[in-house]
């Protein structure tokens, strides 16, 4: 068995174990988007081989469609993580807070998009250039989420036994590896070098999967309440958001009134 086939087999077994543990631990109740993401990865892994072997002409279309869906699911997972981090404080948040969280994630993605350019990809066909830029944008976002959650873990009252940080760690590590490999790819010309780097990237993916297997094999720690500093900050933000919404509503109502009323 070749090294590529061996790594593919290990990744497939690890993906199956992650999905099995997610279902066993009922992680899907709190993280449906992440569960869908893991199941999607497993299904694509199963479908990719027969498509590549028996429908080679259609494989490019299959890959592009899967890559777009993959990026969309990753965005959904990040929104879910951000919303889950606020779990101890959701009751005090205003209605529509989830929409605001999603808007902030998309705003962050829009801010990252202009910088998600790797030299050498500009010469690719337009659809491939956009796809690679989309993938690099989501990779940078995943790294940023991990850094933010790890950096503010004390303030957010989360630790390495909390699912939010566990999910973000696996995504962040693999994203860092894949982003590094993508940059190195632009400086290579020999196919064996590409092949070796792809194997390293797959090893990084396997490491993230094995990390999740280890995490989900254990019970989740009971979620702690936010620190007083974080509660005061969120209360201030919630109050500001509510005041802004009321001001906008009053302004719209004033514009609808007829002169002289």
C-alpha atoms as a PDB file:
ATOM      1  CA  UNK A   1       0.000   0.000   0.000  1.00  0.00           C
ATOM      2  CA  UNK A   2       1.343   3.419  -1.003  1.00  0.00           C
ATOM      3  CA  UNK A   3       1.792   6.217   1.535  1.00  0.00           C
ATOM      4  CA  UNK A   4      -0.996   8.245  -0.075  1.00  0.00           C
ATOM      5  CA  UNK A   5      -3.454   5.351   0.216  1.00  0.00           C
ATOM      6  CA  UNK A   6      -2.376   4.651   3.795  1.00  0.00           C
ATOM      7  CA  UNK A   7      -2.921   8.285   4.796  1.00  0.00           C
ATOM      8  CA  UNK A   8      -6.316   8.323   3.062  1.00  0.00           C
ATOM      9  CA  UNK A   9      -7.343   5.171   4.958  1.00  0.00           C
ATOM     10  CA  UNK A  10      -6.251   6.640   8.302  1.00  0.00           C
ATOM     11  CA  UNK A  11      -8.139   9.879   7.601  1.00  0.00           C
ATOM     12  CA  UNK A  12     -11.274   7.944   6.630  1.00  0.00           C
ATOM     13  CA  UNK A  13     -11.165   5.865   9.817  1.00  0.00           C
ATOM     14  CA  UNK A  14     -10.553   9.010  11.894  1.00  0.00           C
ATOM     15  CA  UNK A  15     -13.478  10.838  10.222  1.00  0.00           C
ATOM     16  CA  UNK A  16     -15.735   7.867  10.916  1.00  0.00           C
ATOM     17  CA  UNK A  17     -14.619   7.831  14.562  1.00  0.00           C
ATOM     18  CA  UNK A  18     -15.300  11.573  14.930  1.00  0.00           C
ATOM     19  CA  UNK A  19     -18.810  11.248  13.496  1.00  0.00           C
ATOM     20  CA  UNK A  20     -19.495   8.210  15.689  1.00  0.00           C
ATOM     21  CA  UNK A  21     -18.366  10.017  18.843  1.00  0.00           C
ATOM     22  CA  UNK A  22     -20.361  13.132  17.938  1.00  0.00           C
ATOM     23  CA  UNK A  23     -23.495  11.012  17.708  1.00  0.00           C
ATOM     24  CA  UNK A  24     -22.643   9.004  20.827  1.00  0.00           C
ATOM     25  CA  UNK A  25     -21.904  12.081  22.942  1.00  0.00           C
ATOM     26  CA  UNK A  26     -24.871  13.911  21.371  1.00  0.00           C
ATOM     27  CA  UNK A  27     -22.621  16.806  20.434  1.00  0.00           C
ATOM     28  CA  UNK A  28     -24.992  17.465  17.537  1.00  0.00           C
ATOM     29  CA  UNK A  29     -27.552  18.922  19.974  1.00  0.00           C
ATOM     30  CA  UNK A  30     -25.329  21.901  20.804  1.00  0.00           C
ATOM     31  CA  UNK A  31     -23.359  21.974  17.544  1.00  0.00           C
ATOM     32  CA  UNK A  32     -25.619  20.918  14.630  1.00  0.00           C
ATOM     33  CA  UNK A  33     -23.552  22.878  12.078  1.00  0.00           C
ATOM     34  CA  UNK A  34     -20.308  21.234  13.197  1.00  0.00           C
ATOM     35  CA  UNK A  35     -21.983  17.825  13.135  1.00  0.00           C
ATOM     36  CA  UNK A  36     -23.222  18.503   9.580  1.00  0.00           C
ATOM     37  CA  UNK A  37     -19.702  19.625   8.661  1.00  0.00           C
ATOM     38  CA  UNK A  38     -18.157  16.354   9.905  1.00  0.00           C
ATOM     39  CA  UNK A  39     -20.821  14.193   8.247  1.00  0.00           C
ATOM     40  CA  UNK A  40     -20.319  16.139   5.005  1.00  0.00           C
ATOM     41  CA  UNK A  41     -16.562  15.476   5.103  1.00  0.00           C
ATOM     42  CA  UNK A  42     -17.196  11.766   5.561  1.00  0.00           C
ATOM     43  CA  UNK A  43     -19.758  11.591   2.745  1.00  0.00           C
ATOM     44  CA  UNK A  44     -17.471  13.461   0.349  1.00  0.00           C
ATOM     45  CA  UNK A  45     -14.634  11.090   1.281  1.00  0.00           C
ATOM     46  CA  UNK A  46     -16.865   8.129   0.427  1.00  0.00           C
ATOM     47  CA  UNK A  47     -18.140   9.636  -2.844  1.00  0.00           C
ATOM     48  CA  UNK A  48     -14.815  11.008  -4.109  1.00  0.00           C
ATOM     49  CA  UNK A  49     -13.224   7.649  -4.953  1.00  0.00           C
ATOM     50  CA  UNK A  50     -15.989   6.256  -7.223  1.00  0.00           C
ATOM     51  CA  UNK A  51     -16.422   9.651  -8.899  1.00  0.00           C
ATOM     52  CA  UNK A  52     -12.683   9.872  -9.597  1.00  0.00           C
ATOM     53  CA  UNK A  53     -12.534   6.290 -10.856  1.00  0.00           C
ATOM     54  CA  UNK A  54     -15.708   6.011 -12.925  1.00  0.00           C
ATOM     55  CA  UNK A  55     -16.650   9.623 -13.722  1.00  0.00           C
ATOM     56  CA  UNK A  56     -13.274  11.275 -14.252  1.00  0.00           C
ATOM     57  CA  UNK A  57     -14.669  13.972 -16.555  1.00  0.00           C
ATOM     58  CA  UNK A  58     -17.160  15.067 -13.898  1.00  0.00           C
ATOM     59  CA  UNK A  59     -14.613  15.049 -11.058  1.00  0.00           C
ATOM     60  CA  UNK A  60     -13.632  18.714 -11.540  1.00  0.00           C
ATOM     61  CA  UNK A  61     -17.266  19.835 -11.246  1.00  0.00           C
ATOM     62  CA  UNK A  62     -17.689  17.536  -8.247  1.00  0.00           C
ATOM     63  CA  UNK A  63     -14.621  19.039  -6.563  1.00  0.00           C
ATOM     64  CA  UNK A  64     -15.702  22.635  -7.175  1.00  0.00           C
ATOM     65  CA  UNK A  65     -19.207  22.016  -5.828  1.00  0.00           C
ATOM     66  CA  UNK A  66     -17.845  20.259  -2.748  1.00  0.00           C
ATOM     67  CA  UNK A  67     -15.312  23.033  -2.113  1.00  0.00           C
ATOM     68  CA  UNK A  68     -17.991  25.740  -2.194  1.00  0.00           C
ATOM     69  CA  UNK A  69     -20.263  23.716   0.123  1.00  0.00           C
ATOM     70  CA  UNK A  70     -17.268  23.034   2.368  1.00  0.00           C
ATOM     71  CA  UNK A  71     -16.526  26.754   2.749  1.00  0.00           C
ATOM     72  CA  UNK A  72     -20.201  27.546   3.412  1.00  0.00           C
ATOM     73  CA  UNK A  73     -20.338  24.917   6.156  1.00  0.00           C
ATOM     74  CA  UNK A  74     -17.158  26.309   7.701  1.00  0.00           C
ATOM     75  CA  UNK A  75     -18.730  29.771   7.912  1.00  0.00           C
ATOM     76  CA  UNK A  76     -21.794  28.209   9.544  1.00  0.00           C
ATOM     77  CA  UNK A  77     -19.549  26.425  12.066  1.00  0.00           C
ATOM     78  CA  UNK A  78     -17.797  29.686  12.963  1.00  0.00           C
ATOM     79  CA  UNK A  79     -21.149  31.436  13.506  1.00  0.00           C
ATOM     80  CA  UNK A  80     -22.237  28.506  15.642  1.00  0.00           C
ATOM     81  CA  UNK A  81     -19.036  28.674  17.707  1.00  0.00           C
ATOM     82  CA  UNK A  82     -19.420  32.400  18.296  1.00  0.00           C
ATOM     83  CA  UNK A  83     -23.050  31.900  19.359  1.00  0.00           C
ATOM     84  CA  UNK A  84     -22.180  28.938  21.588  1.00  0.00           C
ATOM     85  CA  UNK A  85     -19.503  30.946  23.397  1.00  0.00           C
ATOM     86  CA  UNK A  86     -22.286  33.314  24.490  1.00  0.00           C
ATOM     87  CA  UNK A  87     -24.344  30.437  25.905  1.00  0.00           C
ATOM     88  CA  UNK A  88     -24.105  31.496  29.597  1.00  0.00           C
ATOM     89  CA  UNK A  89     -25.346  34.978  28.706  1.00  0.00           C
ATOM     90  CA  UNK A  90     -27.934  34.382  25.983  1.00  0.00           C
ATOM     91  CA  UNK A  91     -30.920  35.083  28.240  1.00  0.00           C
ATOM     92  CA  UNK A  92     -29.733  38.676  28.695  1.00  0.00           C
ATOM     93  CA  UNK A  93     -29.116  39.272  24.994  1.00  0.00           C
ATOM     94  CA  UNK A  94     -31.688  41.108  22.873  1.00  0.00           C
ATOM     95  CA  UNK A  95     -33.772  39.344  20.253  1.00  0.00           C
ATOM     96  CA  UNK A  96     -31.960  38.999  16.977  1.00  0.00           C
ATOM     97  CA  UNK A  97     -28.578  38.595  18.692  1.00  0.00           C
ATOM     98  CA  UNK A  98     -27.836  35.516  16.565  1.00  0.00           C
ATOM     99  CA  UNK A  99     -28.383  37.577  13.409  1.00  0.00           C
ATOM    100  CA  UNK A 100     -25.962  40.153  14.768  1.00  0.00           C
ATOM    101  CA  UNK A 101     -23.375  37.466  15.495  1.00  0.00           C
ATOM    102  CA  UNK A 102     -23.733  36.110  11.933  1.00  0.00           C
ATOM    103  CA  UNK A 103     -23.420  39.645  10.531  1.00  0.00           C
ATOM    104  CA  UNK A 104     -20.214  40.178  12.517  1.00  0.00           C
ATOM    105  CA  UNK A 105     -18.735  36.934  11.154  1.00  0.00           C
ATOM    106  CA  UNK A 106     -19.589  37.930   7.579  1.00  0.00           C
ATOM    107  CA  UNK A 107     -18.185  41.409   8.200  1.00  0.00           C
ATOM    108  CA  UNK A 108     -14.959  39.838   9.430  1.00  0.00           C
ATOM    109  CA  UNK A 109     -14.864  37.613   6.337  1.00  0.00           C
ATOM    110  CA  UNK A 110     -15.339  40.693   4.130  1.00  0.00           C
ATOM    111  CA  UNK A 111     -12.448  42.397   5.932  1.00  0.00           C
ATOM    112  CA  UNK A 112     -10.194  39.347   5.430  1.00  0.00           C
ATOM    113  CA  UNK A 113     -11.144  38.804   1.755  1.00  0.00           C
ATOM    114  CA  UNK A 114      -8.871  41.537   0.265  1.00  0.00           C
ATOM    115  CA  UNK A 115      -5.862  40.061   2.075  1.00  0.00           C
ATOM    116  CA  UNK A 116      -6.551  36.398   1.209  1.00  0.00           C
ATOM    117  CA  UNK A 117      -4.316  36.554  -1.855  1.00  0.00           C
ATOM    118  CA  UNK A 118      -1.480  34.098  -2.345  1.00  0.00           C
ATOM    119  CA  UNK A 119       1.096  35.047  -5.030  1.00  0.00           C
ATOM    120  CA  UNK A 120       0.828  32.840  -8.097  1.00  0.00           C
ATOM    121  CA  UNK A 121      -2.936  32.258  -7.980  1.00  0.00           C
ATOM    122  CA  UNK A 122      -3.740  35.378 -10.029  1.00  0.00           C
ATOM    123  CA  UNK A 123      -2.665  33.522 -13.180  1.00  0.00           C
ATOM    124  CA  UNK A 124      -5.196  30.758 -12.627  1.00  0.00           C
ATOM    125  CA  UNK A 125      -8.626  30.693 -14.337  1.00  0.00           C
ATOM    126  CA  UNK A 126     -11.127  33.071 -12.743  1.00  0.00           C
ATOM    127  CA  UNK A 127     -13.288  30.375 -11.135  1.00  0.00           C
ATOM    128  CA  UNK A 128     -10.248  28.681  -9.588  1.00  0.00           C
ATOM    129  CA  UNK A 129      -8.857  31.994  -8.404  1.00  0.00           C
ATOM    130  CA  UNK A 130     -12.142  32.831  -6.634  1.00  0.00           C
ATOM    131  CA  UNK A 131     -12.363  29.350  -5.144  1.00  0.00           C
ATOM    132  CA  UNK A 132      -8.822  29.460  -3.765  1.00  0.00           C
ATOM    133  CA  UNK A 133      -9.450  32.939  -2.373  1.00  0.00           C
ATOM    134  CA  UNK A 134     -12.631  31.721  -0.688  1.00  0.00           C
ATOM    135  CA  UNK A 135     -10.776  28.790   0.848  1.00  0.00           C
ATOM    136  CA  UNK A 136      -7.940  31.002   2.099  1.00  0.00           C
ATOM    137  CA  UNK A 137     -10.450  33.466   3.561  1.00  0.00           C
ATOM    138  CA  UNK A 138     -12.180  30.739   5.569  1.00  0.00           C
ATOM    139  CA  UNK A 139      -8.794  29.315   6.622  1.00  0.00           C
ATOM    140  CA  UNK A 140      -7.701  32.709   7.968  1.00  0.00           C
ATOM    141  CA  UNK A 141     -11.045  33.093   9.753  1.00  0.00           C
ATOM    142  CA  UNK A 142     -10.643  29.697  11.440  1.00  0.00           C
ATOM    143  CA  UNK A 143      -7.168  30.636  12.644  1.00  0.00           C
ATOM    144  CA  UNK A 144      -8.448  33.978  13.933  1.00  0.00           C
ATOM    145  CA  UNK A 145     -11.280  32.277  15.820  1.00  0.00           C
ATOM    146  CA  UNK A 146      -8.862  29.895  17.503  1.00  0.00           C
ATOM    147  CA  UNK A 147      -6.485  32.716  18.473  1.00  0.00           C
ATOM    148  CA  UNK A 148      -9.351  34.843  19.835  1.00  0.00           C
ATOM    149  CA  UNK A 149     -10.920  32.018  21.849  1.00  0.00           C
ATOM    150  CA  UNK A 150      -7.577  30.864  23.226  1.00  0.00           C
ATOM    151  CA  UNK A 151      -6.414  34.408  23.946  1.00  0.00           C
ATOM    152  CA  UNK A 152      -9.612  35.451  25.713  1.00  0.00           C
ATOM    153  CA  UNK A 153     -10.340  32.072  27.301  1.00  0.00           C
ATOM    154  CA  UNK A 154     -10.050  33.446  30.844  1.00  0.00           C
ATOM    155  CA  UNK A 155     -12.407  36.315  30.116  1.00  0.00           C
ATOM    156  CA  UNK A 156     -14.859  33.986  28.336  1.00  0.00           C
ATOM    157  CA  UNK A 157     -14.576  31.354  31.089  1.00  0.00           C
ATOM    158  CA  UNK A 158     -13.753  28.538  28.678  1.00  0.00           C
ATOM    159  CA  UNK A 159     -10.963  25.971  28.856  1.00  0.00           C
ATOM    160  CA  UNK A 160      -9.530  23.116  26.845  1.00  0.00           C
ATOM    161  CA  UNK A 161     -12.289  20.795  28.086  1.00  0.00           C
ATOM    162  CA  UNK A 162     -15.013  23.015  26.612  1.00  0.00           C
ATOM    163  CA  UNK A 163     -16.308  21.945  23.208  1.00  0.00           C
ATOM    164  CA  UNK A 164     -16.045  25.455  21.758  1.00  0.00           C
ATOM    165  CA  UNK A 165     -12.288  25.627  22.259  1.00  0.00           C
ATOM    166  CA  UNK A 166     -11.826  21.990  21.246  1.00  0.00           C
ATOM    167  CA  UNK A 167     -13.595  22.521  17.925  1.00  0.00           C
ATOM    168  CA  UNK A 168     -11.764  25.812  17.303  1.00  0.00           C
ATOM    169  CA  UNK A 169      -8.383  24.201  18.095  1.00  0.00           C
ATOM    170  CA  UNK A 170      -8.853  21.406  15.563  1.00  0.00           C
ATOM    171  CA  UNK A 171     -10.029  23.819  12.880  1.00  0.00           C
ATOM    172  CA  UNK A 172      -7.300  26.348  13.663  1.00  0.00           C
ATOM    173  CA  UNK A 173      -4.439  23.838  13.577  1.00  0.00           C
ATOM    174  CA  UNK A 174      -5.462  22.310  10.259  1.00  0.00           C
ATOM    175  CA  UNK A 175      -6.092  25.753   8.788  1.00  0.00           C
ATOM    176  CA  UNK A 176      -2.604  26.894   9.766  1.00  0.00           C
ATOM    177  CA  UNK A 177      -1.079  23.809   8.127  1.00  0.00           C
ATOM    178  CA  UNK A 178      -3.173  24.114   4.935  1.00  0.00           C
ATOM    179  CA  UNK A 179      -2.474  27.843   4.606  1.00  0.00           C
ATOM    180  CA  UNK A 180       1.263  27.252   5.004  1.00  0.00           C
ATOM    181  CA  UNK A 181       1.190  24.463   2.410  1.00  0.00           C
ATOM    182  CA  UNK A 182      -0.745  26.686  -0.031  1.00  0.00           C
ATOM    183  CA  UNK A 183       1.935  29.379   0.273  1.00  0.00           C
ATOM    184  CA  UNK A 184       4.748  26.845  -0.194  1.00  0.00           C
ATOM    185  CA  UNK A 185       3.024  25.417  -3.282  1.00  0.00           C
ATOM    186  CA  UNK A 186       3.529  28.703  -5.126  1.00  0.00           C
ATOM    187  CA  UNK A 187       7.324  28.399  -4.775  1.00  0.00           C
ATOM    188  CA  UNK A 188       7.664  24.853  -6.122  1.00  0.00           C
ATOM    189  CA  UNK A 189       8.049  23.520  -9.656  1.00  0.00           C
ATOM    190  CA  UNK A 190       8.698  19.777  -9.223  1.00  0.00           C
ATOM    191  CA  UNK A 191       5.754  17.407  -8.827  1.00  0.00           C
ATOM    192  CA  UNK A 192       7.414  15.263  -6.092  1.00  0.00           C
ATOM    193  CA  UNK A 193       7.651  18.385  -3.935  1.00  0.00           C
ATOM    194  CA  UNK A 194       3.941  19.047  -4.418  1.00  0.00           C
ATOM    195  CA  UNK A 195       3.179  15.440  -3.509  1.00  0.00           C
ATOM    196  CA  UNK A 196       5.222  15.543  -0.306  1.00  0.00           C
ATOM    197  CA  UNK A 197       3.608  18.797   0.801  1.00  0.00           C
ATOM    198  CA  UNK A 198       0.151  17.363   0.128  1.00  0.00           C
ATOM    199  CA  UNK A 199       1.059  14.415   2.340  1.00  0.00           C
ATOM    200  CA  UNK A 200       2.133  16.800   5.115  1.00  0.00           C
ATOM    201  CA  UNK A 201      -1.164  18.669   4.761  1.00  0.00           C
ATOM    202  CA  UNK A 202      -3.090  15.409   5.029  1.00  0.00           C
ATOM    203  CA  UNK A 203      -1.071  14.518   8.140  1.00  0.00           C
ATOM    204  CA  UNK A 204      -2.129  17.849   9.664  1.00  0.00           C
ATOM    205  CA  UNK A 205      -5.764  17.034   8.889  1.00  0.00           C
ATOM    206  CA  UNK A 206      -5.393  13.588  10.464  1.00  0.00           C
ATOM    207  CA  UNK A 207      -3.849  15.145  13.571  1.00  0.00           C
ATOM    208  CA  UNK A 208      -6.877  17.458  13.942  1.00  0.00           C
ATOM    209  CA  UNK A 209      -9.237  14.497  13.539  1.00  0.00           C
ATOM    210  CA  UNK A 210      -7.351  12.443  16.134  1.00  0.00           C
ATOM    211  CA  UNK A 211      -7.420  15.422  18.483  1.00  0.00           C
ATOM    212  CA  UNK A 212     -11.219  15.564  18.112  1.00  0.00           C
ATOM    213  CA  UNK A 213     -11.435  11.816  18.692  1.00  0.00           C
ATOM    214  CA  UNK A 214      -9.552  12.274  21.962  1.00  0.00           C
ATOM    215  CA  UNK A 215     -11.700  15.266  22.957  1.00  0.00           C
ATOM    216  CA  UNK A 216     -15.092  13.744  22.131  1.00  0.00           C
ATOM    217  CA  UNK A 217     -14.171  10.482  23.822  1.00  0.00           C
ATOM    218  CA  UNK A 218     -14.375  12.444  27.089  1.00  0.00           C
ATOM    219  CA  UNK A 219     -17.373  14.094  28.680  1.00  0.00           C
ATOM    220  CA  UNK A 220     -17.723  17.809  28.206  1.00  0.00           C
ATOM    221  CA  UNK A 221     -16.869  19.986  31.191  1.00  0.00           C
ATOM    222  CA  UNK A 222     -19.717  21.912  32.782  1.00  0.00           C
ATOM    223  CA  UNK A 223     -19.818  25.391  31.293  1.00  0.00           C
ATOM    224  CA  UNK A 224     -18.792  28.166  33.690  1.00  0.00           C
ATOM    225  CA  UNK A 225     -20.412  31.558  33.967  1.00  0.00           C
ATOM    226  CA  UNK A 226     -18.747  34.609  32.459  1.00  0.00           C
ATOM    227  CA  UNK A 227     -16.463  36.741  34.574  1.00  0.00           C
ATOM    228  CA  UNK A 228     -18.041  39.930  36.011  1.00  0.00           C
ATOM    229  CA  UNK A 229     -15.915  42.001  33.609  1.00  0.00           C
ATOM    230  CA  UNK A 230     -17.260  40.084  30.613  1.00  0.00           C
ATOM    231  CA  UNK A 231     -20.844  40.330  31.878  1.00  0.00           C
ATOM    232  CA  UNK A 232     -20.553  44.099  32.267  1.00  0.00           C
ATOM    233  CA  UNK A 233     -19.071  44.407  28.785  1.00  0.00           C
ATOM    234  CA  UNK A 234     -21.843  42.343  27.180  1.00  0.00           C
ATOM    235  CA  UNK A 235     -24.523  44.236  29.111  1.00  0.00           C
ATOM    236  CA  UNK A 236     -23.081  47.521  27.843  1.00  0.00           C
ATOM    237  CA  UNK A 237     -22.987  46.189  24.266  1.00  0.00           C
ATOM    238  CA  UNK A 238     -26.541  44.852  24.541  1.00  0.00           C
ATOM    239  CA  UNK A 239     -27.744  48.199  25.892  1.00  0.00           C
ATOM    240  CA  UNK A 240     -26.033  50.082  23.080  1.00  0.00           C
ATOM    241  CA  UNK A 241     -27.530  47.766  20.464  1.00  0.00           C
ATOM    242  CA  UNK A 242     -31.011  48.173  21.961  1.00  0.00           C
ATOM    243  CA  UNK A 243     -30.699  51.958  22.078  1.00  0.00           C
ATOM    244  CA  UNK A 244     -29.513  52.036  18.468  1.00  0.00           C
ATOM    245  CA  UNK A 245     -32.437  49.855  17.355  1.00  0.00           C
ATOM    246  CA  UNK A 246     -34.947  52.101  19.147  1.00  0.00           C
ATOM    247  CA  UNK A 247     -33.373  55.220  17.651  1.00  0.00           C
ATOM    248  CA  UNK A 248     -33.546  53.746  14.147  1.00  0.00           C
ATOM    249  CA  UNK A 249     -37.185  52.745  14.661  1.00  0.00           C
ATOM    250  CA  UNK A 250     -38.092  56.250  15.894  1.00  0.00           C
ATOM    251  CA  UNK A 251     -36.266  57.811  12.972  1.00  0.00           C
ATOM    252  CA  UNK A 252     -38.118  55.621  10.465  1.00  0.00           C
ATOM    253  CA  UNK A 253     -41.449  56.404  12.130  1.00  0.00           C
ATOM    254  CA  UNK A 254     -40.722  60.143  12.007  1.00  0.00           C
ATOM    255  CA  UNK A 255     -39.980  59.992   8.279  1.00  0.00           C
ATOM    256  CA  UNK A 256     -43.308  58.243   7.638  1.00  0.00           C
ATOM    257  CA  UNK A 257     -45.332  60.967   9.366  1.00  0.00           C
ATOM    258  CA  UNK A 258     -46.917  63.497   7.103  1.00  0.00           C
ATOM    259  CA  UNK A 259     -45.972  67.163   7.532  1.00  0.00           C
ATOM    260  CA  UNK A 260     -48.298  68.974   9.876  1.00  0.00           C
ATOM    261  CA  UNK A 261     -49.427  65.885  11.837  1.00  0.00           C
END
